[in-house]
Structures are given as C-alpha cells and as structure tokens.
Amino acid sequence: MAEYRLAPTFACGGAAPLLARHGAVTITERPDLALAALAQRAGDAALEALVRDVTGAPPPGPGRISGQAGGVQLAWTGPGQWLALAPADRHPDLAGMLVARLGAAASVTDQAGGWVCLDLDGVGCRALLERLCPLDTGAMDAGRAERTGIEHMGCLVICEVPGQRYRVMAARSFAVSLADMLETVARGLV
C-alpha cells in the first residue's frame, strides 16, 4: 500500500510564511491572524455597545478600521458589515468569541482560511501600491481601510503607518498571484 506524507503549506505556497525584502519594501505573509466576518442584523441598535465592549471602539464607518492594534479590530467592508482581525494566539476562536459576546446582534462567520494577509513595510510601500491600485495612498491616514482592485483581484488595503506600513488582504485563492505581483513591482522599484 502506498504511503502518503502530507506537508502543510502556507497561503503563498511555501513551507514557511513568505518573507521577501526588495529594496525599501519588506513583504511579510501573516498567517497568525484570526479573521471573522460580522453582519449587523436588521434594526439592532445594541450592536454598537456590544462592539465597544469587545474592541474598545464603536464599529467603524466607511473606509475605516477601529479597535486596538494587537487586540480585536474591525474593518468596514460594507453597510452593516465588518471584518474582524485579531492575533490568533490571543483569540484562537475569534468567531466563537464574537458569537458569544455579540449574541443575536450580529451574524458571525469564521474567515481564517478564506483570506491571505500580506504586510508591506518600508518607505517604498506607497510607490508600490500606487503602481498597482487606484488608491491615493498619500491621502490615507492611519486607520484607513479601503477596498480596491489589484490586478483584477478584490483586495482590502489597510494603512497602519502612512507611507510606511500597509496591510493587503485578498481571497486566499489569489495568494500566490498577489504575492508575485507585489514582489514583481517591489523589485522594479529597486
């Protein structure tokens, strides 16, 4: 009988998370994030107070992310919809915790296996993103979270430090394509 040995791989295809340095840009794959989608149930005004209890901030409005870095954060993804992000080591069952804390105020869906998250760091980040998407990254302040297209892939771009650090998220099925595109442009900036 044949013996099969499976080896886990990360979203970008490697045996370890992607870490690439090209000139003034570092690209880091972030498999250590827990993710969950939240959708407000119709007419439930209690959600704001419950979210404040979980994140320390009200649910963010269009184009924003709120909450504490290192804790649970919410990024606005549409009217009455948010993506929750948190360190997986602190919140290994983020969706379960949100269901328990938010109750009937929101519908929650675990998204951990559905997204790839790539952090961009360095002074070349703004130039890199401006070559790939129509966002005005120069006008993005810290806490900005914008949906955009990068090479026909729907992405969420979060500004953590203007001109220096951004987070790019896309569907996990686009992970290799997104990483390749970011690396290709980063190499071109050198």
N, C-alpha and C. Protein backbone atom coordinates (compact mmCIF):
# COMPACT_ATOMS: atom_id res chain seq x y z
N MET A 1 0.83 -1.17 0.00
CA MET A 1 0.00 0.00 0.00
C MET A 1 0.89 1.25 0.00
N ALA A 2 0.51 2.22 -0.78
CA ALA A 2 1.28 3.46 -0.88
C ALA A 2 1.20 4.24 0.43
N GLU A 3 2.30 4.88 0.75
CA GLU A 3 2.34 5.70 1.95
C GLU A 3 2.40 7.17 1.53
N TYR A 4 1.44 7.93 2.00
CA TYR A 4 1.36 9.34 1.65
C TYR A 4 1.82 10.18 2.83
N ARG A 5 2.65 11.14 2.53
CA ARG A 5 3.10 12.08 3.57
C ARG A 5 2.73 13.47 3.09
N LEU A 6 1.85 14.07 3.85
CA LEU A 6 1.42 15.42 3.51
C LEU A 6 2.20 16.43 4.34
N ALA A 7 2.55 17.51 3.70
CA ALA A 7 3.25 18.59 4.40
C ALA A 7 2.42 19.86 4.26
N PRO A 8 2.17 20.54 5.36
CA PRO A 8 1.37 21.76 5.28
C PRO A 8 2.13 22.86 4.52
N THR A 9 1.39 23.67 3.81
CA THR A 9 1.98 24.83 3.14
C THR A 9 1.19 26.06 3.55
N PHE A 10 1.83 27.19 3.45
CA PHE A 10 1.17 28.45 3.76
C PHE A 10 0.46 28.98 2.52
N ALA A 11 -0.35 30.00 2.67
CA ALA A 11 -1.18 30.51 1.57
C ALA A 11 -0.36 30.87 0.34
N CYS A 12 0.84 31.40 0.53
CA CYS A 12 1.68 31.80 -0.61
C CYS A 12 2.48 30.64 -1.18
N GLY A 13 2.24 29.42 -0.69
CA GLY A 13 2.80 28.22 -1.28
C GLY A 13 4.07 27.69 -0.65
N GLY A 14 4.63 28.36 0.34
CA GLY A 14 5.88 27.91 0.93
C GLY A 14 5.69 27.05 2.16
N ALA A 15 6.78 26.42 2.59
CA ALA A 15 6.77 25.63 3.81
C ALA A 15 6.85 26.55 5.03
N ALA A 16 7.19 27.81 4.79
CA ALA A 16 7.22 28.84 5.83
C ALA A 16 6.50 30.07 5.27
N PRO A 17 6.02 30.95 6.13
CA PRO A 17 5.36 32.16 5.62
C PRO A 17 6.33 32.99 4.77
N LEU A 18 5.78 33.61 3.74
CA LEU A 18 6.58 34.45 2.85
C LEU A 18 7.21 35.61 3.61
N LEU A 19 8.50 35.82 3.39
CA LEU A 19 9.21 36.99 3.90
C LEU A 19 10.17 37.39 2.78
N ALA A 20 9.88 38.51 2.14
CA ALA A 20 10.68 38.96 1.00
C ALA A 20 11.08 40.41 1.18
N ARG A 21 12.35 40.68 0.95
CA ARG A 21 12.85 42.06 1.02
C ARG A 21 13.36 42.46 -0.35
N HIS A 22 12.82 43.55 -0.86
CA HIS A 22 13.23 44.08 -2.15
C HIS A 22 13.43 45.58 -1.99
N GLY A 23 14.68 46.02 -1.97
CA GLY A 23 14.95 47.44 -1.80
C GLY A 23 14.35 47.97 -0.51
N ALA A 24 13.49 48.99 -0.64
CA ALA A 24 12.91 49.66 0.52
C ALA A 24 11.58 49.06 0.95
N VAL A 25 11.27 47.83 0.52
CA VAL A 25 9.99 47.21 0.87
C VAL A 25 10.22 45.79 1.40
N THR A 26 9.56 45.48 2.49
CA THR A 26 9.54 44.12 3.02
C THR A 26 8.10 43.62 2.93
N ILE A 27 7.92 42.42 2.39
CA ILE A 27 6.60 41.79 2.26
C ILE A 27 6.58 40.59 3.19
N THR A 28 5.61 40.56 4.11
CA THR A 28 5.52 39.51 5.11
C THR A 28 4.13 38.88 5.09
N GLU A 29 4.08 37.57 4.89
CA GLU A 29 2.81 36.85 4.97
C GLU A 29 2.44 36.71 6.44
N ARG A 30 1.16 36.93 6.76
CA ARG A 30 0.69 36.92 8.15
C ARG A 30 -0.33 35.81 8.39
N PRO A 31 0.14 34.58 8.59
CA PRO A 31 -0.81 33.50 8.88
C PRO A 31 -1.28 33.49 10.33
N ASP A 32 -0.77 34.42 11.13
CA ASP A 32 -1.05 34.43 12.56
C ASP A 32 -2.25 35.31 12.93
N LEU A 33 -3.10 35.60 11.97
CA LEU A 33 -4.28 36.42 12.24
C LEU A 33 -5.54 35.57 12.24
N ALA A 34 -6.39 35.81 13.21
CA ALA A 34 -7.72 35.21 13.23
C ALA A 34 -8.65 36.21 12.56
N LEU A 35 -9.54 35.74 11.71
CA LEU A 35 -10.45 36.61 10.96
C LEU A 35 -11.88 36.09 11.08
N ALA A 36 -12.81 37.03 11.13
CA ALA A 36 -14.24 36.68 11.15
C ALA A 36 -15.03 37.81 10.51
N ALA A 37 -16.07 37.46 9.79
CA ALA A 37 -16.95 38.46 9.18
C ALA A 37 -18.13 38.69 10.11
N LEU A 38 -18.51 39.96 10.25
CA LEU A 38 -19.67 40.35 11.06
C LEU A 38 -20.67 41.03 10.17
N ALA A 39 -21.92 40.70 10.32
CA ALA A 39 -23.01 41.39 9.61
C ALA A 39 -24.07 41.76 10.65
N GLN A 40 -24.37 43.04 10.69
CA GLN A 40 -25.38 43.53 11.64
C GLN A 40 -26.74 42.98 11.25
N ARG A 41 -27.45 42.53 12.24
CA ARG A 41 -28.82 42.07 11.97
C ARG A 41 -29.72 43.28 11.90
N ALA A 42 -30.71 43.25 11.05
CA ALA A 42 -31.59 44.41 10.78
C ALA A 42 -32.14 45.01 12.07
N GLY A 43 -31.96 46.33 12.18
CA GLY A 43 -32.59 47.08 13.25
C GLY A 43 -32.01 46.88 14.63
N ASP A 44 -30.85 46.26 14.76
CA ASP A 44 -30.32 46.02 16.09
C ASP A 44 -29.38 47.15 16.50
N ALA A 45 -29.87 48.05 17.35
CA ALA A 45 -29.08 49.19 17.82
C ALA A 45 -28.12 48.78 18.93
N ALA A 46 -28.27 47.60 19.48
CA ALA A 46 -27.41 47.15 20.58
C ALA A 46 -26.01 46.79 20.10
N LEU A 47 -25.83 46.61 18.80
CA LEU A 47 -24.53 46.17 18.29
C LEU A 47 -23.41 47.14 18.66
N GLU A 48 -23.65 48.44 18.57
CA GLU A 48 -22.58 49.41 18.86
C GLU A 48 -22.03 49.23 20.27
N ALA A 49 -22.90 49.10 21.24
CA ALA A 49 -22.45 48.93 22.62
C ALA A 49 -21.69 47.62 22.79
N LEU A 50 -22.16 46.57 22.16
CA LEU A 50 -21.50 45.27 22.28
C LEU A 50 -20.13 45.30 21.61
N VAL A 51 -20.03 45.93 20.44
CA VAL A 51 -18.75 46.04 19.74
C VAL A 51 -17.77 46.86 20.57
N ARG A 52 -18.26 47.93 21.16
CA ARG A 52 -17.42 48.78 22.02
C ARG A 52 -16.82 47.95 23.17
N ASP A 53 -17.63 47.04 23.70
CA ASP A 53 -17.18 46.18 24.79
C ASP A 53 -16.07 45.23 24.33
N VAL A 54 -16.15 44.76 23.08
CA VAL A 54 -15.17 43.81 22.54
C VAL A 54 -13.90 44.51 22.06
N THR A 55 -14.03 45.62 21.34
CA THR A 55 -12.88 46.26 20.70
C THR A 55 -12.40 47.53 21.39
N GLY A 56 -13.22 48.10 22.25
CA GLY A 56 -12.87 49.37 22.88
C GLY A 56 -13.22 50.57 22.02
N ALA A 57 -13.90 50.35 20.90
CA ALA A 57 -14.27 51.44 19.98
C ALA A 57 -15.60 51.08 19.31
N PRO A 58 -16.31 52.07 18.80
CA PRO A 58 -17.55 51.76 18.07
C PRO A 58 -17.22 51.12 16.73
N PRO A 59 -18.21 50.48 16.10
CA PRO A 59 -17.96 49.92 14.76
C PRO A 59 -17.53 51.04 13.82
N PRO A 60 -16.48 50.82 13.02
CA PRO A 60 -16.01 51.89 12.13
C PRO A 60 -16.96 52.14 10.98
N GLY A 61 -16.91 53.36 10.47
CA GLY A 61 -17.70 53.73 9.30
C GLY A 61 -16.95 53.41 8.02
N PRO A 62 -17.48 53.85 6.89
CA PRO A 62 -16.87 53.56 5.59
C PRO A 62 -15.40 53.98 5.52
N GLY A 63 -14.59 53.05 5.02
CA GLY A 63 -13.19 53.32 4.81
C GLY A 63 -12.34 53.38 6.06
N ARG A 64 -12.81 52.81 7.16
CA ARG A 64 -12.06 52.91 8.42
C ARG A 64 -11.87 51.55 9.06
N ILE A 65 -10.91 51.49 9.97
CA ILE A 65 -10.69 50.34 10.83
C ILE A 65 -10.63 50.88 12.25
N SER A 66 -11.18 50.16 13.21
CA SER A 66 -11.15 50.63 14.59
C SER A 66 -10.79 49.47 15.51
N GLY A 67 -10.53 49.81 16.75
CA GLY A 67 -10.11 48.82 17.72
C GLY A 67 -8.64 49.02 18.03
N GLN A 68 -8.12 48.18 18.88
CA GLN A 68 -6.75 48.33 19.33
C GLN A 68 -5.83 47.37 18.59
N ALA A 69 -4.71 47.91 18.07
CA ALA A 69 -3.72 47.06 17.44
C ALA A 69 -3.26 46.03 18.47
N GLY A 70 -3.16 44.79 18.07
CA GLY A 70 -2.81 43.72 18.99
C GLY A 70 -4.01 43.10 19.67
N GLY A 71 -5.17 43.74 19.52
CA GLY A 71 -6.42 43.21 20.06
C GLY A 71 -7.38 42.97 18.91
N VAL A 72 -8.65 42.99 19.18
CA VAL A 72 -9.65 42.80 18.13
C VAL A 72 -9.87 44.14 17.42
N GLN A 73 -9.77 44.12 16.10
CA GLN A 73 -10.03 45.29 15.28
C GLN A 73 -11.14 44.95 14.30
N LEU A 74 -11.89 45.97 13.88
CA LEU A 74 -12.92 45.80 12.87
C LEU A 74 -12.61 46.72 11.69
N ALA A 75 -12.67 46.16 10.49
CA ALA A 75 -12.51 46.94 9.26
C ALA A 75 -13.87 46.96 8.56
N TRP A 76 -14.31 48.15 8.18
CA TRP A 76 -15.59 48.30 7.48
C TRP A 76 -15.46 47.68 6.09
N THR A 77 -16.40 46.82 5.72
CA THR A 77 -16.38 46.19 4.39
C THR A 77 -17.63 46.48 3.58
N GLY A 78 -18.62 47.09 4.19
CA GLY A 78 -19.87 47.42 3.51
C GLY A 78 -20.88 47.87 4.55
N PRO A 79 -22.02 48.40 4.12
CA PRO A 79 -23.03 48.85 5.09
C PRO A 79 -23.44 47.72 6.04
N GLY A 80 -23.23 47.95 7.32
CA GLY A 80 -23.58 46.94 8.33
C GLY A 80 -22.70 45.71 8.30
N GLN A 81 -21.50 45.80 7.69
CA GLN A 81 -20.62 44.64 7.58
C GLN A 81 -19.18 45.04 7.94
N TRP A 82 -18.51 44.15 8.65
CA TRP A 82 -17.14 44.40 9.07
C TRP A 82 -16.35 43.10 9.03
N LEU A 83 -15.03 43.23 8.91
CA LEU A 83 -14.12 42.10 9.02
C LEU A 83 -13.37 42.28 10.33
N ALA A 84 -13.47 41.30 11.21
CA ALA A 84 -12.76 41.34 12.49
C ALA A 84 -11.40 40.68 12.32
N LEU A 85 -10.36 41.33 12.85
CA LEU A 85 -8.99 40.83 12.81
C LEU A 85 -8.44 40.81 14.22
N ALA A 86 -7.69 39.77 14.56
CA ALA A 86 -7.08 39.69 15.89
C ALA A 86 -5.92 38.70 15.82
N PRO A 87 -4.94 38.84 16.71
CA PRO A 87 -3.87 37.85 16.77
C PRO A 87 -4.45 36.48 17.12
N ALA A 88 -4.10 35.47 16.35
CA ALA A 88 -4.66 34.13 16.57
C ALA A 88 -4.22 33.53 17.89
N ASP A 89 -3.04 33.90 18.38
CA ASP A 89 -2.60 33.34 19.66
C ASP A 89 -3.42 33.89 20.83
N ARG A 90 -3.94 35.10 20.70
CA ARG A 90 -4.79 35.69 21.75
C ARG A 90 -6.26 35.33 21.56
N HIS A 91 -6.67 35.09 20.33
CA HIS A 91 -8.07 34.78 20.02
C HIS A 91 -8.12 33.60 19.04
N PRO A 92 -7.78 32.39 19.51
CA PRO A 92 -7.75 31.24 18.58
C PRO A 92 -9.13 30.90 18.00
N ASP A 93 -10.19 31.24 18.71
CA ASP A 93 -11.54 31.03 18.20
C ASP A 93 -12.25 32.39 18.17
N LEU A 94 -11.76 33.27 17.32
CA LEU A 94 -12.31 34.63 17.24
C LEU A 94 -13.80 34.61 16.92
N ALA A 95 -14.20 33.81 15.93
CA ALA A 95 -15.61 33.76 15.56
C ALA A 95 -16.47 33.28 16.73
N GLY A 96 -16.03 32.26 17.43
CA GLY A 96 -16.77 31.75 18.58
C GLY A 96 -16.90 32.78 19.69
N MET A 97 -15.81 33.50 19.94
CA MET A 97 -15.84 34.56 20.96
C MET A 97 -16.81 35.65 20.56
N LEU A 98 -16.80 36.05 19.28
CA LEU A 98 -17.72 37.10 18.82
C LEU A 98 -19.17 36.66 18.90
N VAL A 99 -19.44 35.41 18.54
CA VAL A 99 -20.81 34.89 18.65
C VAL A 99 -21.27 34.96 20.11
N ALA A 100 -20.39 34.54 21.02
CA ALA A 100 -20.75 34.54 22.44
C ALA A 100 -20.96 35.96 22.96
N ARG A 101 -20.13 36.91 22.51
CA ARG A 101 -20.21 38.28 23.03
C ARG A 101 -21.28 39.12 22.34
N LEU A 102 -21.50 38.90 21.03
CA LEU A 102 -22.44 39.74 20.29
C LEU A 102 -23.84 39.15 20.23
N GLY A 103 -23.95 37.85 20.48
CA GLY A 103 -25.26 37.21 20.51
C GLY A 103 -26.07 37.43 19.25
N ALA A 104 -27.32 37.82 19.42
CA ALA A 104 -28.24 37.99 18.29
C ALA A 104 -28.06 39.32 17.56
N ALA A 105 -27.13 40.16 18.00
CA ALA A 105 -26.94 41.47 17.38
C ALA A 105 -26.24 41.39 16.03
N ALA A 106 -25.51 40.27 15.79
CA ALA A 106 -24.77 40.15 14.53
C ALA A 106 -24.66 38.70 14.11
N SER A 107 -24.56 38.50 12.82
CA SER A 107 -24.23 37.18 12.27
C SER A 107 -22.72 37.14 12.09
N VAL A 108 -22.09 36.07 12.53
CA VAL A 108 -20.63 35.96 12.51
C VAL A 108 -20.23 34.71 11.73
N THR A 109 -19.22 34.87 10.86
CA THR A 109 -18.72 33.75 10.07
C THR A 109 -17.20 33.71 10.17
N ASP A 110 -16.63 32.56 10.53
CA ASP A 110 -15.18 32.41 10.59
C ASP A 110 -14.60 32.58 9.18
N GLN A 111 -13.54 33.39 9.06
CA GLN A 111 -12.93 33.67 7.76
C GLN A 111 -11.44 33.32 7.74
N ALA A 112 -10.94 32.67 8.76
CA ALA A 112 -9.49 32.45 8.89
C ALA A 112 -8.88 31.75 7.68
N GLY A 113 -9.54 30.78 7.11
CA GLY A 113 -8.97 30.07 5.97
C GLY A 113 -9.29 30.69 4.63
N GLY A 114 -10.04 31.78 4.62
CA GLY A 114 -10.50 32.36 3.36
C GLY A 114 -9.70 33.53 2.84
N TRP A 115 -8.78 34.06 3.65
CA TRP A 115 -8.04 35.26 3.25
C TRP A 115 -6.55 35.03 3.36
N VAL A 116 -5.80 35.79 2.57
CA VAL A 116 -4.36 35.89 2.74
C VAL A 116 -4.09 37.33 3.17
N CYS A 117 -3.16 37.49 4.09
CA CYS A 117 -2.80 38.82 4.57
C CYS A 117 -1.31 39.01 4.35
N LEU A 118 -0.96 40.07 3.63
CA LEU A 118 0.44 40.40 3.38
C LEU A 118 0.71 41.80 3.92
N ASP A 119 1.68 41.90 4.81
CA ASP A 119 2.06 43.21 5.35
C ASP A 119 3.19 43.78 4.51
N LEU A 120 3.07 45.05 4.18
CA LEU A 120 4.11 45.77 3.44
C LEU A 120 4.73 46.76 4.41
N ASP A 121 6.05 46.79 4.46
CA ASP A 121 6.73 47.71 5.37
C ASP A 121 7.91 48.34 4.65
N GLY A 122 8.11 49.63 4.85
CA GLY A 122 9.23 50.33 4.27
C GLY A 122 8.80 51.57 3.51
N VAL A 123 9.78 52.42 3.22
CA VAL A 123 9.47 53.70 2.58
C VAL A 123 9.01 53.54 1.13
N GLY A 124 9.18 52.37 0.53
CA GLY A 124 8.74 52.16 -0.85
C GLY A 124 7.31 51.66 -0.98
N CYS A 125 6.61 51.46 0.14
CA CYS A 125 5.25 50.90 0.10
C CYS A 125 4.28 51.76 -0.70
N ARG A 126 4.34 53.04 -0.47
CA ARG A 126 3.41 53.94 -1.16
C ARG A 126 3.61 53.86 -2.67
N ALA A 127 4.86 53.91 -3.13
CA ALA A 127 5.15 53.82 -4.56
C ALA A 127 4.70 52.48 -5.12
N LEU A 128 4.89 51.41 -4.36
CA LEU A 128 4.47 50.08 -4.81
C LEU A 128 2.95 50.04 -5.00
N LEU A 129 2.20 50.48 -3.99
CA LEU A 129 0.74 50.43 -4.08
C LEU A 129 0.20 51.35 -5.17
N GLU A 130 0.82 52.50 -5.37
CA GLU A 130 0.35 53.43 -6.40
C GLU A 130 0.53 52.86 -7.81
N ARG A 131 1.42 51.91 -7.98
CA ARG A 131 1.61 51.28 -9.28
C ARG A 131 0.61 50.13 -9.52
N LEU A 132 -0.03 49.69 -8.44
CA LEU A 132 -0.91 48.53 -8.55
C LEU A 132 -2.40 48.81 -8.39
N CYS A 133 -2.76 49.91 -7.74
CA CYS A 133 -4.18 50.15 -7.49
C CYS A 133 -4.49 51.64 -7.55
N PRO A 134 -5.76 51.99 -7.73
CA PRO A 134 -6.14 53.39 -7.87
C PRO A 134 -6.28 54.17 -6.56
N LEU A 135 -5.87 53.59 -5.45
CA LEU A 135 -5.98 54.30 -4.17
C LEU A 135 -4.98 55.44 -4.11
N ASP A 136 -5.38 56.53 -3.49
CA ASP A 136 -4.47 57.64 -3.23
C ASP A 136 -3.82 57.35 -1.88
N THR A 137 -2.77 56.53 -1.90
CA THR A 137 -2.15 56.12 -0.65
C THR A 137 -1.50 57.30 0.09
N GLY A 138 -1.19 58.38 -0.63
CA GLY A 138 -0.65 59.56 0.02
C GLY A 138 -1.68 60.25 0.91
N ALA A 139 -2.94 60.05 0.61
CA ALA A 139 -4.02 60.67 1.39
C ALA A 139 -4.54 59.73 2.49
N MET A 140 -4.05 58.49 2.52
CA MET A 140 -4.52 57.54 3.53
C MET A 140 -3.83 57.81 4.86
N ASP A 141 -4.63 58.00 5.91
CA ASP A 141 -4.07 58.16 7.24
C ASP A 141 -4.14 56.82 7.96
N ALA A 142 -3.50 56.73 9.11
CA ALA A 142 -3.53 55.51 9.90
C ALA A 142 -4.98 55.18 10.26
N GLY A 143 -5.35 53.93 10.11
CA GLY A 143 -6.71 53.52 10.41
C GLY A 143 -7.63 53.53 9.21
N ARG A 144 -7.10 53.84 8.04
CA ARG A 144 -7.90 53.83 6.81
C ARG A 144 -7.93 52.40 6.28
N ALA A 145 -9.08 51.93 5.85
CA ALA A 145 -9.25 50.58 5.30
C ALA A 145 -10.10 50.71 4.04
N GLU A 146 -9.50 50.52 2.88
CA GLU A 146 -10.19 50.73 1.62
C GLU A 146 -10.23 49.46 0.79
N ARG A 147 -11.37 49.20 0.20
CA ARG A 147 -11.48 48.10 -0.76
C ARG A 147 -11.05 48.62 -2.12
N THR A 148 -10.30 47.80 -2.85
CA THR A 148 -9.80 48.20 -4.16
C THR A 148 -9.48 46.97 -4.98
N GLY A 149 -9.13 47.18 -6.22
CA GLY A 149 -8.71 46.10 -7.09
C GLY A 149 -7.21 46.19 -7.33
N ILE A 150 -6.55 45.06 -7.24
CA ILE A 150 -5.13 44.95 -7.60
C ILE A 150 -5.04 43.83 -8.62
N GLU A 151 -4.72 44.19 -9.87
CA GLU A 151 -4.62 43.20 -10.95
C GLU A 151 -5.86 42.30 -11.01
N HIS A 152 -7.02 42.89 -10.97
CA HIS A 152 -8.32 42.20 -11.07
C HIS A 152 -8.66 41.35 -9.85
N MET A 153 -7.94 41.54 -8.75
CA MET A 153 -8.24 40.84 -7.50
C MET A 153 -8.87 41.84 -6.54
N GLY A 154 -9.98 41.47 -5.95
CA GLY A 154 -10.59 42.33 -4.94
C GLY A 154 -9.76 42.27 -3.67
N CYS A 155 -9.31 43.43 -3.19
CA CYS A 155 -8.42 43.49 -2.03
C CYS A 155 -8.93 44.50 -1.01
N LEU A 156 -8.48 44.33 0.20
CA LEU A 156 -8.67 45.29 1.27
C LEU A 156 -7.29 45.80 1.63
N VAL A 157 -7.09 47.11 1.56
CA VAL A 157 -5.80 47.73 1.90
C VAL A 157 -6.01 48.56 3.16
N ILE A 158 -5.21 48.27 4.18
CA ILE A 158 -5.29 48.96 5.46
C ILE A 158 -4.01 49.74 5.68
N CYS A 159 -4.14 51.02 5.98
CA CYS A 159 -2.97 51.86 6.27
C CYS A 159 -2.71 51.80 7.77
N GLU A 160 -1.55 51.31 8.15
CA GLU A 160 -1.18 51.28 9.56
C GLU A 160 -0.30 52.46 9.93
N VAL A 161 0.69 52.76 9.09
CA VAL A 161 1.54 53.93 9.26
C VAL A 161 1.65 54.58 7.89
N PRO A 162 1.12 55.80 7.70
CA PRO A 162 1.11 56.42 6.38
C PRO A 162 2.50 56.44 5.73
N GLY A 163 2.54 55.97 4.48
CA GLY A 163 3.77 55.95 3.72
C GLY A 163 4.79 54.92 4.15
N GLN A 164 4.49 54.15 5.19
CA GLN A 164 5.48 53.23 5.75
C GLN A 164 4.99 51.79 5.91
N ARG A 165 3.75 51.61 6.38
CA ARG A 165 3.28 50.25 6.64
C ARG A 165 1.81 50.10 6.25
N TYR A 166 1.55 49.09 5.41
CA TYR A 166 0.20 48.80 4.92
C TYR A 166 -0.04 47.30 5.02
N ARG A 167 -1.29 46.93 5.13
CA ARG A 167 -1.71 45.53 5.12
C ARG A 167 -2.58 45.34 3.89
N VAL A 168 -2.28 44.31 3.09
CA VAL A 168 -3.05 44.00 1.89
C VAL A 168 -3.66 42.62 2.09
N MET A 169 -4.99 42.55 1.95
CA MET A 169 -5.71 41.29 2.14
C MET A 169 -6.51 40.97 0.89
N ALA A 170 -6.55 39.68 0.56
CA ALA A 170 -7.32 39.21 -0.60
C ALA A 170 -7.78 37.78 -0.32
N ALA A 171 -8.62 37.28 -1.20
CA ALA A 171 -9.07 35.90 -1.08
C ALA A 171 -7.85 34.97 -1.13
N ARG A 172 -7.85 33.96 -0.30
CA ARG A 172 -6.70 33.04 -0.22
C ARG A 172 -6.39 32.41 -1.59
N SER A 173 -7.39 32.22 -2.41
CA SER A 173 -7.15 31.61 -3.72
C SER A 173 -6.28 32.50 -4.62
N PHE A 174 -6.15 33.78 -4.26
CA PHE A 174 -5.29 34.70 -5.02
C PHE A 174 -3.92 34.90 -4.38
N ALA A 175 -3.61 34.19 -3.32
CA ALA A 175 -2.40 34.44 -2.53
C ALA A 175 -1.13 34.45 -3.37
N VAL A 176 -0.91 33.42 -4.15
CA VAL A 176 0.33 33.31 -4.93
C VAL A 176 0.39 34.43 -5.97
N SER A 177 -0.73 34.70 -6.64
CA SER A 177 -0.76 35.78 -7.64
C SER A 177 -0.50 37.14 -7.01
N LEU A 178 -1.12 37.39 -5.86
CA LEU A 178 -0.94 38.68 -5.19
C LEU A 178 0.50 38.85 -4.73
N ALA A 179 1.06 37.83 -4.10
CA ALA A 179 2.44 37.90 -3.62
C ALA A 179 3.39 38.11 -4.80
N ASP A 180 3.17 37.39 -5.88
CA ASP A 180 4.03 37.53 -7.06
C ASP A 180 3.95 38.95 -7.62
N MET A 181 2.75 39.52 -7.69
CA MET A 181 2.59 40.87 -8.22
C MET A 181 3.28 41.89 -7.32
N LEU A 182 3.10 41.76 -6.00
CA LEU A 182 3.75 42.69 -5.07
C LEU A 182 5.27 42.59 -5.17
N GLU A 183 5.78 41.37 -5.25
CA GLU A 183 7.23 41.20 -5.35
C GLU A 183 7.78 41.72 -6.68
N THR A 184 7.06 41.50 -7.76
CA THR A 184 7.50 41.97 -9.07
C THR A 184 7.63 43.50 -9.08
N VAL A 185 6.61 44.17 -8.56
CA VAL A 185 6.65 45.63 -8.54
C VAL A 185 7.72 46.11 -7.56
N ALA A 186 7.85 45.46 -6.40
CA ALA A 186 8.87 45.86 -5.43
C ALA A 186 10.28 45.74 -6.02
N ARG A 187 10.52 44.66 -6.78
CA ARG A 187 11.82 44.51 -7.44
C ARG A 187 12.06 45.61 -8.45
N GLY A 188 11.00 46.05 -9.12
CA GLY A 188 11.11 47.11 -10.11
C GLY A 188 11.40 48.48 -9.51
N LEU A 189 11.14 48.63 -8.22
CA LEU A 189 11.40 49.92 -7.55
C LEU A 189 12.84 50.06 -7.11
N VAL A 190 13.58 48.96 -7.10
CA VAL A 190 14.97 48.99 -6.61
C VAL A 190 15.85 49.79 -7.55
